[in-house]
Amino acid sequence: MLPSLQLGVPGGAEIVILLLIFGILLVVPLIVSALIYRDANDRNSSHALAWASGSFFGAFLGGFFGGVVVWALYLVVRDEIGPAGP
């Protein structure tokens, strides 16, 4: 067997898999925080940006559990913020 076939390519499939995982871990909190911001903004909340940034950083820095806690808190208190838009 040729020795060149036994050498691994630096940055092969492992890098692609890591980039996909990092992309998913970045995109999902970003989408959810955008949805929370839009919903809080429709309800005329003055803390819409705080809810959105808290949900993003809770999920991105605190792991999946941190994001779920913030998202559940928002779902519990969002009716107290105000009624939905027209």
Protein backbone atom coordinates (compact mmCIF):
# COMPACT_ATOMS: atom_id res chain seq x y z
CA MET A 1 0.00 0.00 0.00
CA LEU A 2 1.26 3.46 -0.76
CA PRO A 3 2.34 5.49 2.30
CA SER A 4 0.56 8.57 0.97
CA LEU A 5 -2.79 6.79 1.25
CA GLN A 6 -2.24 6.16 4.94
CA LEU A 7 -1.75 9.80 5.82
CA GLY A 8 -4.76 11.77 6.91
CA VAL A 9 -5.75 15.01 5.28
CA PRO A 10 -5.55 17.85 7.81
CA GLY A 11 -8.94 19.42 8.23
CA GLY A 12 -10.85 16.62 6.60
CA ALA A 13 -14.23 15.32 7.64
CA GLU A 14 -13.66 16.14 11.30
CA ILE A 15 -13.52 19.87 10.60
CA VAL A 16 -16.70 19.71 8.54
CA ILE A 17 -18.51 17.89 11.33
CA LEU A 18 -17.28 20.39 13.93
CA LEU A 19 -18.37 23.31 11.75
CA LEU A 20 -21.83 21.78 11.29
CA ILE A 21 -22.22 21.23 15.03
CA PHE A 22 -21.04 24.76 15.81
CA GLY A 23 -23.35 26.12 13.13
CA ILE A 24 -26.34 24.31 14.58
CA LEU A 25 -25.44 25.43 18.10
CA LEU A 26 -25.24 29.01 16.84
CA VAL A 27 -28.18 29.10 14.43
CA VAL A 28 -30.87 27.57 16.66
CA PRO A 29 -30.42 30.07 19.55
CA LEU A 30 -30.21 32.90 17.02
CA ILE A 31 -33.52 31.93 15.39
CA VAL A 32 -35.28 31.42 18.73
CA SER A 33 -34.02 34.74 20.08
CA ALA A 34 -35.22 36.49 16.91
CA LEU A 35 -38.66 34.92 17.36
CA ILE A 36 -38.74 35.98 21.02
CA TYR A 37 -37.71 39.52 20.09
CA ARG A 38 -40.42 39.72 17.42
CA ASP A 39 -43.08 38.40 19.79
CA ALA A 40 -42.05 40.73 22.64
CA ASN A 41 -41.90 43.66 20.23
CA ASP A 42 -45.42 42.84 18.95
CA ARG A 43 -46.60 42.89 22.55
CA ASN A 44 -45.06 46.39 23.00
CA SER A 45 -42.58 45.21 25.62
CA SER A 46 -39.88 47.68 26.54
CA HIS A 47 -37.64 44.72 27.39
CA ALA A 48 -37.79 42.97 24.02
CA LEU A 49 -34.07 43.30 23.40
CA ALA A 50 -33.27 42.05 26.90
CA TRP A 51 -35.42 38.96 26.40
CA ALA A 52 -33.82 38.28 23.02
CA SER A 53 -30.25 38.72 24.22
CA GLY A 54 -30.95 36.73 27.38
CA SER A 55 -32.37 33.86 25.39
CA PHE A 56 -29.42 33.87 22.97
CA PHE A 57 -26.69 34.07 25.61
CA GLY A 58 -28.54 31.66 27.88
CA ALA A 59 -28.60 29.07 25.12
CA PHE A 60 -25.21 29.78 23.59
CA LEU A 61 -23.16 30.21 26.75
CA GLY A 62 -25.23 28.23 29.23
CA GLY A 63 -25.69 25.24 27.01
CA PHE A 64 -28.99 23.80 25.92
CA PHE A 65 -30.40 23.74 29.46
CA GLY A 66 -29.76 27.46 30.00
CA GLY A 67 -31.62 28.30 26.82
CA VAL A 68 -34.58 26.11 27.68
CA VAL A 69 -34.88 27.80 31.09
CA VAL A 70 -34.95 31.29 29.55
CA TRP A 71 -37.36 30.21 26.81
CA ALA A 72 -39.71 28.63 29.37
CA LEU A 73 -39.57 31.77 31.54
CA TYR A 74 -40.51 33.91 28.57
CA LEU A 75 -43.42 31.64 27.67
CA VAL A 76 -44.69 31.87 31.26
CA VAL A 77 -44.50 35.68 31.56
CA ARG A 78 -45.27 36.73 27.99
CA ASP A 79 -48.99 37.05 28.66
CA GLU A 80 -48.19 39.50 31.45
CA ILE A 81 -46.20 41.67 29.03
CA GLY A 82 -49.23 42.52 26.97
CA PRO A 83 -51.67 41.16 24.44
CA ALA A 84 -50.50 40.02 21.06
CA GLY A 85 -50.56 42.42 18.12
CA PRO A 86 -53.55 43.02 15.85
